[in-house]
């Protein structure tokens, strides 16, 4: 079974996390440094740079919202597909 990471620790990210199920999600990626190191529904929140450095091969879910294009561009910048 595939493992996922969700980009965004806001309302849309949490909804995606709930839909996928926490047991299927390794990380929540977020740009807000104050959230890094915290957990949402027992899933760790990390920054995109830390995520990229770990070399994780998850499917990254980007919820459709105001910042979706920016999130996609950040993933591409760090070589995350």
Protein backbone atom coordinates (compact mmCIF):
# COMPACT_ATOMS: atom_id res chain seq x y z
CA UNK A 1 0.00 0.00 0.00
CA UNK A 2 1.20 3.49 -0.81
CA UNK A 3 2.17 5.89 1.94
CA UNK A 4 1.29 9.55 1.70
CA UNK A 5 2.36 12.91 3.02
CA UNK A 6 -0.02 15.86 3.08
CA UNK A 7 1.14 19.39 2.23
CA UNK A 8 -0.58 21.82 4.57
CA UNK A 9 -1.44 21.72 8.26
CA UNK A 10 -4.50 23.95 7.87
CA UNK A 11 -8.14 22.96 7.54
CA UNK A 12 -7.82 21.47 4.05
CA UNK A 13 -4.73 19.49 4.99
CA UNK A 14 -6.44 18.11 8.07
CA UNK A 15 -9.49 17.13 5.99
CA UNK A 16 -7.18 15.32 3.54
CA UNK A 17 -5.44 13.60 6.45
CA UNK A 18 -8.78 12.41 7.81
CA UNK A 19 -9.90 11.14 4.40
CA UNK A 20 -6.67 9.23 3.77
CA UNK A 21 -6.41 7.98 7.35
CA UNK A 22 -3.57 8.75 9.72
CA UNK A 23 -2.13 5.24 9.47
CA UNK A 24 -1.45 5.91 5.76
CA UNK A 25 0.26 9.30 6.25
CA UNK A 26 3.92 9.64 7.22
CA UNK A 27 4.20 13.44 7.44
CA UNK A 28 2.36 16.70 7.15
CA UNK A 29 4.47 19.29 5.31
CA UNK A 30 3.92 22.92 6.21
CA UNK A 31 5.67 26.26 5.65
CA UNK A 32 4.83 27.58 9.12
CA UNK A 33 7.95 26.97 11.23
CA UNK A 34 5.92 27.31 14.43
CA UNK A 35 4.15 24.05 13.51
CA UNK A 36 7.32 22.05 12.80
CA UNK A 37 7.92 19.31 15.35
CA UNK A 38 4.29 19.29 16.44
CA UNK A 39 1.80 16.54 15.64
CA UNK A 40 -1.69 16.63 14.21
CA UNK A 41 -3.68 13.45 14.82
CA UNK A 42 -0.32 11.77 15.70
CA UNK A 43 1.29 12.75 12.38
CA UNK A 44 4.46 14.87 12.58
CA UNK A 45 4.55 18.30 10.92
CA UNK A 46 7.83 19.17 9.16
CA UNK A 47 9.07 21.79 6.72
CA UNK A 48 9.53 21.05 3.05
CA UNK A 49 13.32 21.34 3.22
CA UNK A 50 13.49 18.76 6.04
CA UNK A 51 11.10 16.53 4.12
CA UNK A 52 13.24 16.72 0.97
CA UNK A 53 16.44 16.01 2.93
CA UNK A 54 14.92 12.80 4.32
CA UNK A 55 14.59 11.45 0.76
CA UNK A 56 11.08 10.18 1.41
CA UNK A 57 9.30 8.61 -1.53
CA UNK A 58 5.70 9.21 -0.44
CA UNK A 59 2.91 10.39 -2.67
CA UNK A 60 2.44 14.03 -1.67
CA UNK A 61 -1.16 15.18 -1.47
CA UNK A 62 -1.72 18.89 -2.12
CA UNK A 63 -5.27 19.87 -1.17
CA UNK A 64 -6.91 22.19 -3.68
CA UNK A 65 -7.03 25.62 -2.14
CA UNK A 66 -5.62 29.13 -2.21
CA UNK A 67 -1.98 28.02 -1.99
CA UNK A 68 -2.10 24.81 -4.07
CA UNK A 69 -0.05 26.21 -6.96
CA UNK A 70 2.59 27.60 -4.60
CA UNK A 71 2.80 24.22 -2.83
CA UNK A 72 3.19 22.43 -6.17
CA UNK A 73 5.99 24.80 -7.18
CA UNK A 74 7.77 24.27 -3.86
CA UNK A 75 7.61 20.51 -4.33
CA UNK A 76 9.07 20.83 -7.81
CA UNK A 77 11.82 23.14 -6.51
CA UNK A 78 12.88 20.45 -4.01
CA UNK A 79 12.57 17.59 -6.50
CA UNK A 80 9.46 16.16 -4.87
CA UNK A 81 7.01 14.66 -7.36
